[in-house]
Amino acid sequence: MTDRAPRQSILLPLLLPLGSLAVIVLALWGFSRILLNTTHTAAVLVALVAAAGIMAIAAYVTRARAGGMALYSLVGGAAGVAMLAGGAALVVAPPHGDEGEGPPPVAIVAPVNAIADGFASDTYTVPADVAFDIEFDNQDPGVPHNVWIAVEEGGDVLFEGANVTGPVVTTYAIEDPLAEGSYFFYCQIHPATMTGTLEAEPGAGGGGEDGEGGGGGGTVVVASQLAFDTDTLELPADTPTTITFDNQDDVGTFGPHNIAIYENEAAATGGGTALFGGELVNGPATVPYDVPGLPAGELFFHCDVHPQMKGVVIVDGGGGDAGGGDAGGGDAEPDTG
């Protein structure tokens, strides 16, 4: 009996701070999960509110109480403030998952010799009133280009894209939505020849005028290192559409590529007739494929030259976007075939 009291007197001073530390760690971990699942602005505001609340509780507890109960009160109050502030953020602000859903990227291409010839198209369609991305494909080897957006030629600049030296594909995030209307875009390095118009339209998916150099309907397929960047395409049923095919493989190393659509893989490998056969493209180059209306269902696509580059085509009423399949639909290792 005499040993029990000393043991308790030794353990309690150790258990109290350890238990309090565990509660603090759990509260902070839960609070961090909440902040990661809300918008950036809301996360900053909630963190500031929580910090101010914790400081106020700490000041009150240290003035009003003394001893071990003060620590319990401080820990409990801090956890309560953090959870309340985080809960309010989740209710008021949309989570990041909702923010990530948006229109497909707009593919703008600067071809070889763009300094003289300009962009692949001088007119692109972009979505109005929502944030969107520009997928800028600079195919000009060793030459820097960019994309700037202005209200009009010589007017206020709305977006300044970073300089990129080709050949390279980069993504520009247009975070400030464009109102419906026409805008001027240009390469700030070569403004005399590389210019064009962006037509901001509600619900637009992005594309070049007459299908040139744009992602008509937003469908962009990239071929790189003997692999497509997706193994799933989604297209609308019974409706002509455009696929922008971006072949980034040098023809001297990998040979040409194309996209051909068949009823199934057996038809493709057994000499069947293609529902659509895209022209062979000697890379690096980007071309638009005008695909006719296809019947609803699941079809098959591959490269006729390199059949290991393959995937499925989901044809239904809501297509128009490249599916989010794993990058590298082809399974084979790169070769020089």
C-alpha atoms as a PDB file:
ATOM      1  CA  MET A   1       0.000   0.000   0.000  1.00  0.00           C
ATOM      2  CA  THR A   2       2.847   2.324   0.755  1.00  0.00           C
ATOM      3  CA  ASP A   3       4.366   1.789  -2.715  1.00  0.00           C
ATOM      4  CA  ARG A   4       1.120   2.500  -4.603  1.00  0.00           C
ATOM      5  CA  ALA A   5       0.844   6.177  -3.664  1.00  0.00           C
ATOM      6  CA  PRO A   6       4.411   7.026  -4.675  1.00  0.00           C
ATOM      7  CA  ARG A   7       3.897   5.243  -8.025  1.00  0.00           C
ATOM      8  CA  GLN A   8       0.720   7.228  -8.661  1.00  0.00           C
ATOM      9  CA  SER A   9       2.453  10.445  -7.700  1.00  0.00           C
ATOM     10  CA  ILE A  10       5.194   9.674 -10.246  1.00  0.00           C
ATOM     11  CA  LEU A  11       2.891   8.504 -13.098  1.00  0.00           C
ATOM     12  CA  LEU A  12       0.328  11.292 -12.940  1.00  0.00           C
ATOM     13  CA  PRO A  13       2.769  14.113 -13.754  1.00  0.00           C
ATOM     14  CA  LEU A  14       3.887  12.074 -16.764  1.00  0.00           C
ATOM     15  CA  LEU A  15       0.453  10.961 -17.974  1.00  0.00           C
ATOM     16  CA  LEU A  16      -1.136  14.409 -17.798  1.00  0.00           C
ATOM     17  CA  PRO A  17       1.201  16.131 -20.278  1.00  0.00           C
ATOM     18  CA  LEU A  18       1.401  13.031 -22.511  1.00  0.00           C
ATOM     19  CA  GLY A  19      -2.383  12.734 -22.630  1.00  0.00           C
ATOM     20  CA  SER A  20      -2.734  16.434 -23.319  1.00  0.00           C
ATOM     21  CA  LEU A  21      -0.148  16.184 -26.089  1.00  0.00           C
ATOM     22  CA  ALA A  22      -2.039  13.280 -27.670  1.00  0.00           C
ATOM     23  CA  VAL A  23      -5.281  15.287 -27.645  1.00  0.00           C
ATOM     24  CA  ILE A  24      -3.514  18.284 -29.232  1.00  0.00           C
ATOM     25  CA  VAL A  25      -1.954  16.105 -31.952  1.00  0.00           C
ATOM     26  CA  LEU A  26      -5.308  14.506 -32.802  1.00  0.00           C
ATOM     27  CA  ALA A  27      -7.024  17.879 -32.897  1.00  0.00           C
ATOM     28  CA  LEU A  28      -4.350  19.364 -35.158  1.00  0.00           C
ATOM     29  CA  TRP A  29      -4.449  16.346 -37.460  1.00  0.00           C
ATOM     30  CA  GLY A  30      -8.228  16.555 -37.780  1.00  0.00           C
ATOM     31  CA  PHE A  31      -8.015  20.307 -38.313  1.00  0.00           C
ATOM     32  CA  SER A  32      -5.429  19.849 -41.084  1.00  0.00           C
ATOM     33  CA  ARG A  33      -7.683  17.327 -42.861  1.00  0.00           C
ATOM     34  CA  ILE A  34     -10.477  19.882 -42.809  1.00  0.00           C
ATOM     35  CA  LEU A  35      -8.265  22.663 -44.205  1.00  0.00           C
ATOM     36  CA  LEU A  36      -7.057  20.426 -47.024  1.00  0.00           C
ATOM     37  CA  ASN A  37     -10.650  19.743 -48.067  1.00  0.00           C
ATOM     38  CA  THR A  38     -11.785  23.341 -48.349  1.00  0.00           C
ATOM     39  CA  THR A  39     -10.798  26.245 -50.600  1.00  0.00           C
ATOM     40  CA  HIS A  40      -7.469  28.020 -50.197  1.00  0.00           C
ATOM     41  CA  THR A  41      -9.053  31.303 -49.147  1.00  0.00           C
ATOM     42  CA  ALA A  42     -11.368  29.623 -46.651  1.00  0.00           C
ATOM     43  CA  ALA A  43      -8.478  27.599 -45.205  1.00  0.00           C
ATOM     44  CA  VAL A  44      -6.448  30.772 -44.507  1.00  0.00           C
ATOM     45  CA  LEU A  45      -9.405  32.546 -42.888  1.00  0.00           C
ATOM     46  CA  VAL A  46     -10.290  29.533 -40.742  1.00  0.00           C
ATOM     47  CA  ALA A  47      -6.693  29.150 -39.559  1.00  0.00           C
ATOM     48  CA  LEU A  48      -6.581  32.813 -38.523  1.00  0.00           C
ATOM     49  CA  VAL A  49      -9.912  32.569 -36.710  1.00  0.00           C
ATOM     50  CA  ALA A  50      -8.833  29.393 -34.917  1.00  0.00           C
ATOM     51  CA  ALA A  51      -5.513  30.945 -33.866  1.00  0.00           C
ATOM     52  CA  ALA A  52      -7.245  34.047 -32.523  1.00  0.00           C
ATOM     53  CA  GLY A  53      -9.767  31.909 -30.624  1.00  0.00           C
ATOM     54  CA  ILE A  54      -7.054  29.746 -29.056  1.00  0.00           C
ATOM     55  CA  MET A  55      -5.092  32.802 -27.930  1.00  0.00           C
ATOM     56  CA  ALA A  56      -8.227  34.284 -26.361  1.00  0.00           C
ATOM     57  CA  ILE A  57      -8.965  31.040 -24.494  1.00  0.00           C
ATOM     58  CA  ALA A  58      -5.361  30.776 -23.308  1.00  0.00           C
ATOM     59  CA  ALA A  59      -5.438  34.336 -21.958  1.00  0.00           C
ATOM     60  CA  TYR A  60      -8.741  33.732 -20.162  1.00  0.00           C
ATOM     61  CA  VAL A  61      -7.680  30.399 -18.624  1.00  0.00           C
ATOM     62  CA  THR A  62      -4.344  31.670 -17.335  1.00  0.00           C
ATOM     63  CA  ARG A  63      -6.024  34.624 -15.621  1.00  0.00           C
ATOM     64  CA  ALA A  64      -9.015  32.801 -14.196  1.00  0.00           C
ATOM     65  CA  ARG A  65      -7.537  29.529 -13.002  1.00  0.00           C
ATOM     66  CA  ALA A  66      -4.390  27.852 -11.738  1.00  0.00           C
ATOM     67  CA  GLY A  67      -3.148  24.297 -11.433  1.00  0.00           C
ATOM     68  CA  GLY A  68      -3.810  21.217 -13.552  1.00  0.00           C
ATOM     69  CA  MET A  69      -7.364  22.196 -14.501  1.00  0.00           C
ATOM     70  CA  ALA A  70      -6.034  25.159 -16.452  1.00  0.00           C
ATOM     71  CA  LEU A  71      -4.188  22.834 -18.784  1.00  0.00           C
ATOM     72  CA  TYR A  72      -7.282  20.692 -19.392  1.00  0.00           C
ATOM     73  CA  SER A  73      -9.352  23.792 -20.059  1.00  0.00           C
ATOM     74  CA  LEU A  74      -6.800  25.150 -22.526  1.00  0.00           C
ATOM     75  CA  VAL A  75      -6.466  21.878 -24.437  1.00  0.00           C
ATOM     76  CA  GLY A  76     -10.216  21.314 -24.602  1.00  0.00           C
ATOM     77  CA  GLY A  77     -10.911  24.876 -25.625  1.00  0.00           C
ATOM     78  CA  ALA A  78      -8.269  24.824 -28.383  1.00  0.00           C
ATOM     79  CA  ALA A  79      -9.613  21.567 -29.806  1.00  0.00           C
ATOM     80  CA  GLY A  80     -13.166  22.875 -29.676  1.00  0.00           C
ATOM     81  CA  VAL A  81     -12.300  26.116 -31.469  1.00  0.00           C
ATOM     82  CA  ALA A  82     -10.373  24.269 -34.195  1.00  0.00           C
ATOM     83  CA  MET A  83     -13.175  21.779 -34.848  1.00  0.00           C
ATOM     84  CA  LEU A  84     -15.908  24.433 -34.841  1.00  0.00           C
ATOM     85  CA  ALA A  85     -13.980  26.682 -37.223  1.00  0.00           C
ATOM     86  CA  GLY A  86     -13.170  23.755 -39.512  1.00  0.00           C
ATOM     87  CA  GLY A  87     -16.758  22.526 -39.533  1.00  0.00           C
ATOM     88  CA  ALA A  88     -17.987  25.980 -40.460  1.00  0.00           C
ATOM     89  CA  ALA A  89     -15.467  26.092 -43.340  1.00  0.00           C
ATOM     90  CA  LEU A  90     -16.723  22.808 -44.777  1.00  0.00           C
ATOM     91  CA  VAL A  91     -20.304  24.078 -44.690  1.00  0.00           C
ATOM     92  CA  VAL A  92     -19.580  27.518 -46.164  1.00  0.00           C
ATOM     93  CA  ALA A  93     -16.769  26.781 -48.665  1.00  0.00           C
ATOM     94  CA  PRO A  94     -16.875  24.082 -51.359  1.00  0.00           C
ATOM     95  CA  PRO A  95     -14.241  21.334 -51.112  1.00  0.00           C
ATOM     96  CA  HIS A  96     -11.327  21.132 -53.520  1.00  0.00           C
ATOM     97  CA  GLY A  97     -12.895  18.168 -55.265  1.00  0.00           C
ATOM     98  CA  ASP A  98     -15.671  20.403 -56.595  1.00  0.00           C
ATOM     99  CA  GLU A  99     -13.166  23.032 -57.707  1.00  0.00           C
ATOM    100  CA  GLY A 100     -11.189  20.479 -59.733  1.00  0.00           C
ATOM    101  CA  GLU A 101     -14.078  19.828 -62.107  1.00  0.00           C
ATOM    102  CA  GLY A 102     -13.885  22.145 -65.062  1.00  0.00           C
ATOM    103  CA  PRO A 103     -13.853  22.367 -68.845  1.00  0.00           C
ATOM    104  CA  PRO A 104     -11.209  20.492 -70.846  1.00  0.00           C
ATOM    105  CA  PRO A 105      -8.030  22.411 -71.695  1.00  0.00           C
ATOM    106  CA  VAL A 106      -7.852  24.581 -74.788  1.00  0.00           C
ATOM    107  CA  ALA A 107      -5.027  23.382 -77.056  1.00  0.00           C
ATOM    108  CA  ILE A 108      -3.095  26.274 -78.627  1.00  0.00           C
ATOM    109  CA  VAL A 109      -0.231  25.276 -80.923  1.00  0.00           C
ATOM    110  CA  ALA A 110       2.847  27.173 -82.055  1.00  0.00           C
ATOM    111  CA  PRO A 111       4.117  25.085 -85.008  1.00  0.00           C
ATOM    112  CA  VAL A 112       7.614  24.987 -86.433  1.00  0.00           C
ATOM    113  CA  ASN A 113       8.494  28.393 -87.925  1.00  0.00           C
ATOM    114  CA  ALA A 114       5.721  30.062 -85.933  1.00  0.00           C
ATOM    115  CA  ILE A 115       7.692  33.317 -86.001  1.00  0.00           C
ATOM    116  CA  ALA A 116       6.810  33.639 -89.685  1.00  0.00           C
ATOM    117  CA  ASP A 117       3.632  31.574 -89.928  1.00  0.00           C
ATOM    118  CA  GLY A 118       1.971  32.415 -86.595  1.00  0.00           C
ATOM    119  CA  PHE A 119      -0.042  30.082 -84.389  1.00  0.00           C
ATOM    120  CA  ALA A 120      -1.607  26.969 -85.925  1.00  0.00           C
ATOM    121  CA  SER A 121      -4.928  28.831 -85.842  1.00  0.00           C
ATOM    122  CA  ASP A 122      -5.739  32.511 -85.437  1.00  0.00           C
ATOM    123  CA  THR A 123      -9.067  31.811 -83.726  1.00  0.00           C
ATOM    124  CA  TYR A 124      -9.742  29.597 -80.697  1.00  0.00           C
ATOM    125  CA  THR A 125     -12.913  29.045 -78.716  1.00  0.00           C
ATOM    126  CA  VAL A 126     -12.658  29.125 -74.916  1.00  0.00           C
ATOM    127  CA  PRO A 127     -15.279  28.728 -72.157  1.00  0.00           C
ATOM    128  CA  ALA A 128     -16.803  31.923 -70.798  1.00  0.00           C
ATOM    129  CA  ASP A 129     -17.360  32.790 -67.133  1.00  0.00           C
ATOM    130  CA  VAL A 130     -15.350  29.846 -65.744  1.00  0.00           C
ATOM    131  CA  ALA A 131     -11.679  29.208 -65.032  1.00  0.00           C
ATOM    132  CA  PHE A 132      -9.963  27.023 -67.637  1.00  0.00           C
ATOM    133  CA  ASP A 133      -6.530  25.817 -68.758  1.00  0.00           C
ATOM    134  CA  ILE A 134      -4.617  26.479 -71.950  1.00  0.00           C
ATOM    135  CA  GLU A 135      -2.454  23.576 -73.103  1.00  0.00           C
ATOM    136  CA  PHE A 136       0.241  25.421 -75.030  1.00  0.00           C
ATOM    137  CA  ASP A 137       2.204  23.215 -77.431  1.00  0.00           C
ATOM    138  CA  ASN A 138       5.354  24.997 -78.585  1.00  0.00           C
ATOM    139  CA  GLN A 139       6.684  22.812 -81.407  1.00  0.00           C
ATOM    140  CA  ASP A 140       9.363  25.302 -82.488  1.00  0.00           C
ATOM    141  CA  PRO A 141      12.756  23.726 -81.586  1.00  0.00           C
ATOM    142  CA  GLY A 142      14.983  26.080 -79.613  1.00  0.00           C
ATOM    143  CA  VAL A 143      12.613  29.038 -79.999  1.00  0.00           C
ATOM    144  CA  PRO A 144      10.821  30.614 -77.012  1.00  0.00           C
ATOM    145  CA  HIS A 145       7.123  31.498 -77.317  1.00  0.00           C
ATOM    146  CA  ASN A 146       4.292  32.317 -74.934  1.00  0.00           C
ATOM    147  CA  VAL A 147       0.594  33.204 -74.850  1.00  0.00           C
ATOM    148  CA  TRP A 148      -0.671  36.546 -73.548  1.00  0.00           C
ATOM    149  CA  ILE A 149      -4.335  37.579 -73.470  1.00  0.00           C
ATOM    150  CA  ALA A 150      -5.576  41.163 -73.732  1.00  0.00           C
ATOM    151  CA  VAL A 151      -8.969  42.840 -73.849  1.00  0.00           C
ATOM    152  CA  GLU A 152      -8.138  43.957 -77.382  1.00  0.00           C
ATOM    153  CA  GLU A 153      -5.077  44.594 -79.489  1.00  0.00           C
ATOM    154  CA  GLY A 154      -3.046  47.184 -77.597  1.00  0.00           C
ATOM    155  CA  GLY A 155      -5.476  47.011 -74.675  1.00  0.00           C
ATOM    156  CA  ASP A 156      -5.160  45.927 -71.036  1.00  0.00           C
ATOM    157  CA  VAL A 157      -3.388  42.598 -70.550  1.00  0.00           C
ATOM    158  CA  LEU A 158      -5.508  40.016 -68.716  1.00  0.00           C
ATOM    159  CA  PHE A 159      -3.064  37.098 -68.653  1.00  0.00           C
ATOM    160  CA  GLU A 160       0.701  36.727 -69.126  1.00  0.00           C
ATOM    161  CA  GLY A 161       1.909  33.223 -69.953  1.00  0.00           C
ATOM    162  CA  ALA A 162       5.479  32.289 -69.068  1.00  0.00           C
ATOM    163  CA  ASN A 163       8.043  31.931 -71.852  1.00  0.00           C
ATOM    164  CA  VAL A 164       8.649  28.311 -72.932  1.00  0.00           C
ATOM    165  CA  THR A 165      11.303  27.087 -75.363  1.00  0.00           C
ATOM    166  CA  GLY A 166      10.204  24.362 -77.761  1.00  0.00           C
ATOM    167  CA  PRO A 167       9.577  21.632 -78.288  1.00  0.00           C
ATOM    168  CA  VAL A 168       7.534  21.471 -75.084  1.00  0.00           C
ATOM    169  CA  VAL A 169       3.930  21.389 -73.891  1.00  0.00           C
ATOM    170  CA  THR A 170       3.008  23.510 -70.896  1.00  0.00           C
ATOM    171  CA  THR A 171      -0.257  24.312 -69.137  1.00  0.00           C
ATOM    172  CA  TYR A 172      -1.383  27.866 -68.419  1.00  0.00           C
ATOM    173  CA  ALA A 173      -4.084  28.186 -65.731  1.00  0.00           C
ATOM    174  CA  ILE A 174      -6.540  30.986 -66.573  1.00  0.00           C
ATOM    175  CA  GLU A 175      -7.901  31.509 -63.063  1.00  0.00           C
ATOM    176  CA  ASP A 176      -9.767  34.756 -63.762  1.00  0.00           C
ATOM    177  CA  PRO A 177     -12.749  33.792 -65.981  1.00  0.00           C
ATOM    178  CA  LEU A 178     -13.329  35.648 -69.230  1.00  0.00           C
ATOM    179  CA  ALA A 179     -16.747  37.160 -69.802  1.00  0.00           C
ATOM    180  CA  GLU A 180     -18.521  36.206 -73.004  1.00  0.00           C
ATOM    181  CA  GLY A 181     -16.995  38.051 -75.951  1.00  0.00           C
ATOM    182  CA  SER A 182     -13.875  38.340 -78.134  1.00  0.00           C
ATOM    183  CA  TYR A 183     -10.326  38.793 -76.822  1.00  0.00           C
ATOM    184  CA  PHE A 184      -6.927  39.328 -78.384  1.00  0.00           C
ATOM    185  CA  PHE A 185      -4.162  36.783 -77.799  1.00  0.00           C
ATOM    186  CA  TYR A 186      -0.567  36.911 -78.950  1.00  0.00           C
ATOM    187  CA  CYS A 187       3.002  35.831 -78.336  1.00  0.00           C
ATOM    188  CA  GLN A 188       4.546  38.690 -76.396  1.00  0.00           C
ATOM    189  CA  ILE A 189       7.986  37.801 -77.811  1.00  0.00           C
ATOM    190  CA  HIS A 190       6.812  37.847 -81.456  1.00  0.00           C
ATOM    191  CA  PRO A 191       3.749  40.147 -81.448  1.00  0.00           C
ATOM    192  CA  ALA A 192       4.032  41.124 -85.113  1.00  0.00           C
ATOM    193  CA  THR A 193       3.162  37.697 -86.529  1.00  0.00           C
ATOM    194  CA  MET A 194       1.847  35.508 -83.709  1.00  0.00           C
ATOM    195  CA  THR A 195      -1.607  36.909 -82.949  1.00  0.00           C
ATOM    196  CA  GLY A 196      -5.200  35.769 -82.892  1.00  0.00           C
ATOM    197  CA  THR A 197      -8.653  35.955 -81.348  1.00  0.00           C
ATOM    198  CA  LEU A 198     -10.149  34.062 -78.436  1.00  0.00           C
ATOM    199  CA  GLU A 199     -13.922  33.677 -78.623  1.00  0.00           C
ATOM    200  CA  ALA A 200     -15.269  33.179 -75.095  1.00  0.00           C
ATOM    201  CA  GLU A 201     -18.572  31.308 -75.278  1.00  0.00           C
ATOM    202  CA  PRO A 202     -20.673  29.733 -72.505  1.00  0.00           C
ATOM    203  CA  GLY A 203     -20.099  25.992 -72.308  1.00  0.00           C
ATOM    204  CA  ALA A 204     -17.365  25.984 -74.963  1.00  0.00           C
ATOM    205  CA  GLY A 205     -14.830  23.180 -74.833  1.00  0.00           C
ATOM    206  CA  GLY A 206     -12.013  24.889 -76.726  1.00  0.00           C
ATOM    207  CA  GLY A 207     -10.954  24.551 -80.328  1.00  0.00           C
ATOM    208  CA  GLY A 208      -9.468  26.222 -83.351  1.00  0.00           C
ATOM    209  CA  GLU A 209     -11.506  27.772 -86.134  1.00  0.00           C
ATOM    210  CA  ASP A 210     -12.366  25.161 -88.781  1.00  0.00           C
ATOM    211  CA  GLY A 211     -10.739  22.558 -86.568  1.00  0.00           C
ATOM    212  CA  GLU A 212      -7.213  23.935 -87.077  1.00  0.00           C
ATOM    213  CA  GLY A 213      -4.885  23.383 -84.167  1.00  0.00           C
ATOM    214  CA  GLY A 214      -7.574  23.379 -81.536  1.00  0.00           C
ATOM    215  CA  GLY A 215      -9.208  20.720 -79.426  1.00  0.00           C
ATOM    216  CA  GLY A 216     -12.621  20.683 -81.046  1.00  0.00           C
ATOM    217  CA  GLY A 217     -14.939  19.537 -78.276  1.00  0.00           C
ATOM    218  CA  GLY A 218     -11.900  19.440 -75.998  1.00  0.00           C
ATOM    219  CA  THR A 219     -10.586  16.026 -77.170  1.00  0.00           C
ATOM    220  CA  VAL A 220      -6.780  16.104 -77.270  1.00  0.00           C
ATOM    221  CA  VAL A 221      -4.665  12.947 -77.616  1.00  0.00           C
ATOM    222  CA  VAL A 222      -0.885  13.064 -77.175  1.00  0.00           C
ATOM    223  CA  ALA A 223       1.539  10.446 -78.506  1.00  0.00           C
ATOM    224  CA  SER A 224       4.920  10.351 -76.771  1.00  0.00           C
ATOM    225  CA  GLN A 225       7.563   7.621 -76.430  1.00  0.00           C
ATOM    226  CA  LEU A 226       5.434   5.107 -78.345  1.00  0.00           C
ATOM    227  CA  ALA A 227       2.435   5.553 -76.046  1.00  0.00           C
ATOM    228  CA  PHE A 228      -0.787   7.537 -76.039  1.00  0.00           C
ATOM    229  CA  ASP A 229      -1.391   9.691 -72.980  1.00  0.00           C
ATOM    230  CA  THR A 230      -4.755   8.001 -72.428  1.00  0.00           C
ATOM    231  CA  ASP A 231      -6.260   4.569 -73.011  1.00  0.00           C
ATOM    232  CA  THR A 232      -9.846   5.843 -72.994  1.00  0.00           C
ATOM    233  CA  LEU A 233     -11.574   8.285 -75.326  1.00  0.00           C
ATOM    234  CA  GLU A 234     -15.122   9.587 -74.888  1.00  0.00           C
ATOM    235  CA  LEU A 235     -16.966  10.779 -77.977  1.00  0.00           C
ATOM    236  CA  PRO A 236     -20.585  11.777 -78.650  1.00  0.00           C
ATOM    237  CA  ALA A 237     -22.807   9.275 -80.446  1.00  0.00           C
ATOM    238  CA  ASP A 238     -23.935   9.947 -84.018  1.00  0.00           C
ATOM    239  CA  THR A 239     -22.272  13.368 -83.981  1.00  0.00           C
ATOM    240  CA  PRO A 240     -19.219  14.491 -85.973  1.00  0.00           C
ATOM    241  CA  THR A 241     -16.433  15.703 -83.715  1.00  0.00           C
ATOM    242  CA  THR A 242     -12.769  16.693 -83.822  1.00  0.00           C
ATOM    243  CA  ILE A 243      -9.830  14.986 -82.143  1.00  0.00           C
ATOM    244  CA  THR A 244      -6.647  17.034 -81.914  1.00  0.00           C
ATOM    245  CA  PHE A 245      -3.770  14.581 -82.344  1.00  0.00           C
ATOM    246  CA  ASP A 246      -0.461  15.834 -80.905  1.00  0.00           C
ATOM    247  CA  ASN A 247       2.359  13.540 -82.053  1.00  0.00           C
ATOM    248  CA  GLN A 248       5.424  14.491 -80.001  1.00  0.00           C
ATOM    249  CA  ASP A 249       7.564  11.571 -81.229  1.00  0.00           C
ATOM    250  CA  ASP A 250      10.281  12.459 -83.726  1.00  0.00           C
ATOM    251  CA  VAL A 251       9.610  10.613 -86.968  1.00  0.00           C
ATOM    252  CA  GLY A 252      13.302   9.754 -87.391  1.00  0.00           C
ATOM    253  CA  THR A 253      13.327   7.807 -84.126  1.00  0.00           C
ATOM    254  CA  PHE A 254       9.851   6.380 -83.743  1.00  0.00           C
ATOM    255  CA  GLY A 255       8.269   6.653 -87.178  1.00  0.00           C
ATOM    256  CA  PRO A 256       4.798   8.128 -87.848  1.00  0.00           C
ATOM    257  CA  HIS A 257       1.688   7.636 -85.688  1.00  0.00           C
ATOM    258  CA  ASN A 258      -2.048   7.903 -86.228  1.00  0.00           C
ATOM    259  CA  ILE A 259      -5.361   7.178 -84.528  1.00  0.00           C
ATOM    260  CA  ALA A 260      -7.678   4.627 -86.121  1.00  0.00           C
ATOM    261  CA  ILE A 261     -11.023   3.542 -84.661  1.00  0.00           C
ATOM    262  CA  TYR A 262     -12.424   0.035 -85.184  1.00  0.00           C
ATOM    263  CA  GLU A 263     -15.467  -1.886 -84.032  1.00  0.00           C
ATOM    264  CA  ASN A 264     -13.269  -4.003 -81.736  1.00  0.00           C
ATOM    265  CA  GLU A 265      -9.662  -5.161 -81.318  1.00  0.00           C
ATOM    266  CA  ALA A 266     -10.248  -8.300 -83.394  1.00  0.00           C
ATOM    267  CA  ALA A 267     -11.304  -6.181 -86.361  1.00  0.00           C
ATOM    268  CA  ALA A 268      -8.253  -3.964 -85.936  1.00  0.00           C
ATOM    269  CA  THR A 269      -5.744  -6.819 -85.799  1.00  0.00           C
ATOM    270  CA  GLY A 270      -7.554  -9.037 -88.298  1.00  0.00           C
ATOM    271  CA  GLY A 271      -7.633  -6.664 -91.226  1.00  0.00           C
ATOM    272  CA  GLY A 272     -11.130  -5.285 -90.633  1.00  0.00           C
ATOM    273  CA  THR A 273     -12.316  -1.969 -92.016  1.00  0.00           C
ATOM    274  CA  ALA A 274     -11.744   1.033 -89.777  1.00  0.00           C
ATOM    275  CA  LEU A 275     -14.740   3.137 -88.765  1.00  0.00           C
ATOM    276  CA  PHE A 276     -12.301   6.042 -88.870  1.00  0.00           C
ATOM    277  CA  GLY A 277      -8.680   6.033 -90.067  1.00  0.00           C
ATOM    278  CA  GLY A 278      -6.643   9.096 -89.230  1.00  0.00           C
ATOM    279  CA  GLU A 279      -3.823  10.107 -91.562  1.00  0.00           C
ATOM    280  CA  LEU A 280      -0.286   9.168 -90.539  1.00  0.00           C
ATOM    281  CA  VAL A 281       1.441  12.076 -88.785  1.00  0.00           C
ATOM    282  CA  ASN A 282       5.219  12.570 -88.914  1.00  0.00           C
ATOM    283  CA  GLY A 283       6.108  14.090 -85.560  1.00  0.00           C
ATOM    284  CA  PRO A 284       6.579  16.353 -83.927  1.00  0.00           C
ATOM    285  CA  ALA A 285       3.356  17.806 -85.291  1.00  0.00           C
ATOM    286  CA  THR A 286      -0.256  18.443 -84.316  1.00  0.00           C
ATOM    287  CA  VAL A 287      -3.190  17.818 -86.656  1.00  0.00           C
ATOM    288  CA  PRO A 288      -6.981  17.864 -86.276  1.00  0.00           C
ATOM    289  CA  TYR A 289      -8.893  14.681 -87.094  1.00  0.00           C
ATOM    290  CA  ASP A 290     -12.469  15.240 -88.266  1.00  0.00           C
ATOM    291  CA  VAL A 291     -14.210  12.129 -86.946  1.00  0.00           C
ATOM    292  CA  PRO A 292     -17.646  11.278 -88.384  1.00  0.00           C
ATOM    293  CA  GLY A 293     -20.590  10.358 -86.200  1.00  0.00           C
ATOM    294  CA  LEU A 294     -20.022   6.954 -84.572  1.00  0.00           C
ATOM    295  CA  PRO A 295     -22.614   4.485 -83.236  1.00  0.00           C
ATOM    296  CA  ALA A 296     -23.135   4.336 -79.476  1.00  0.00           C
ATOM    297  CA  GLY A 297     -21.216   1.643 -77.660  1.00  0.00           C
ATOM    298  CA  GLU A 298     -17.651   0.639 -76.823  1.00  0.00           C
ATOM    299  CA  LEU A 299     -15.187   0.728 -79.725  1.00  0.00           C
ATOM    300  CA  PHE A 300     -11.436   0.239 -80.070  1.00  0.00           C
ATOM    301  CA  PHE A 301      -8.641   2.568 -81.197  1.00  0.00           C
ATOM    302  CA  HIS A 302      -4.962   2.123 -81.888  1.00  0.00           C
ATOM    303  CA  CYS A 303      -2.034   3.354 -83.982  1.00  0.00           C
ATOM    304  CA  ASP A 304      -1.939   1.407 -87.247  1.00  0.00           C
ATOM    305  CA  VAL A 305       1.872   1.564 -87.286  1.00  0.00           C
ATOM    306  CA  HIS A 306       2.373   0.639 -83.617  1.00  0.00           C
ATOM    307  CA  PRO A 307      -0.663  -1.457 -82.566  1.00  0.00           C
ATOM    308  CA  GLN A 308       0.614  -1.677 -78.966  1.00  0.00           C
ATOM    309  CA  MET A 309      -0.548   1.947 -78.711  1.00  0.00           C
ATOM    310  CA  LYS A 310      -4.214   1.253 -78.071  1.00  0.00           C
ATOM    311  CA  GLY A 311      -7.307   1.919 -75.981  1.00  0.00           C
ATOM    312  CA  VAL A 312     -11.112   1.954 -75.912  1.00  0.00           C
ATOM    313  CA  VAL A 313     -13.555   4.531 -77.261  1.00  0.00           C
ATOM    314  CA  ILE A 314     -16.692   5.124 -75.202  1.00  0.00           C
ATOM    315  CA  VAL A 315     -19.312   6.535 -77.555  1.00  0.00           C
ATOM    316  CA  ASP A 316     -22.362   8.004 -75.875  1.00  0.00           C
ATOM    317  CA  GLY A 317     -24.433  11.180 -75.760  1.00  0.00           C
ATOM    318  CA  GLY A 318     -22.128  13.188 -73.511  1.00  0.00           C
ATOM    319  CA  GLY A 319     -18.661  12.708 -75.010  1.00  0.00           C
ATOM    320  CA  GLY A 320     -16.189  15.196 -76.280  1.00  0.00           C
ATOM    321  CA  ASP A 321     -13.446  14.809 -73.660  1.00  0.00           C
ATOM    322  CA  ALA A 322     -10.440  12.629 -73.595  1.00  0.00           C
ATOM    323  CA  GLY A 323     -10.915  10.053 -70.919  1.00  0.00           C
ATOM    324  CA  GLY A 324      -8.778  10.072 -67.835  1.00  0.00           C
ATOM    325  CA  GLY A 325      -7.076   6.755 -68.474  1.00  0.00           C
ATOM    326  CA  ASP A 326      -3.618   5.989 -67.186  1.00  0.00           C
ATOM    327  CA  ALA A 327      -0.922   7.735 -69.118  1.00  0.00           C
ATOM    328  CA  GLY A 328       0.727   5.472 -71.576  1.00  0.00           C
ATOM    329  CA  GLY A 329      -2.040   3.345 -73.016  1.00  0.00           C
ATOM    330  CA  GLY A 330       0.615   1.398 -74.915  1.00  0.00           C
ATOM    331  CA  ASP A 331       2.276  -1.408 -72.985  1.00  0.00           C
ATOM    332  CA  ALA A 332       5.448  -1.973 -74.974  1.00  0.00           C
ATOM    333  CA  GLU A 333       8.857  -0.538 -74.214  1.00  0.00           C
ATOM    334  CA  PRO A 334      10.050   2.177 -76.607  1.00  0.00           C
ATOM    335  CA  ASP A 335      11.813   0.957 -79.743  1.00  0.00           C
ATOM    336  CA  THR A 336      12.648   2.382 -83.086  1.00  0.00           C
ATOM    337  CA  GLY A 337       9.949   0.492 -85.012  1.00  0.00           C
END
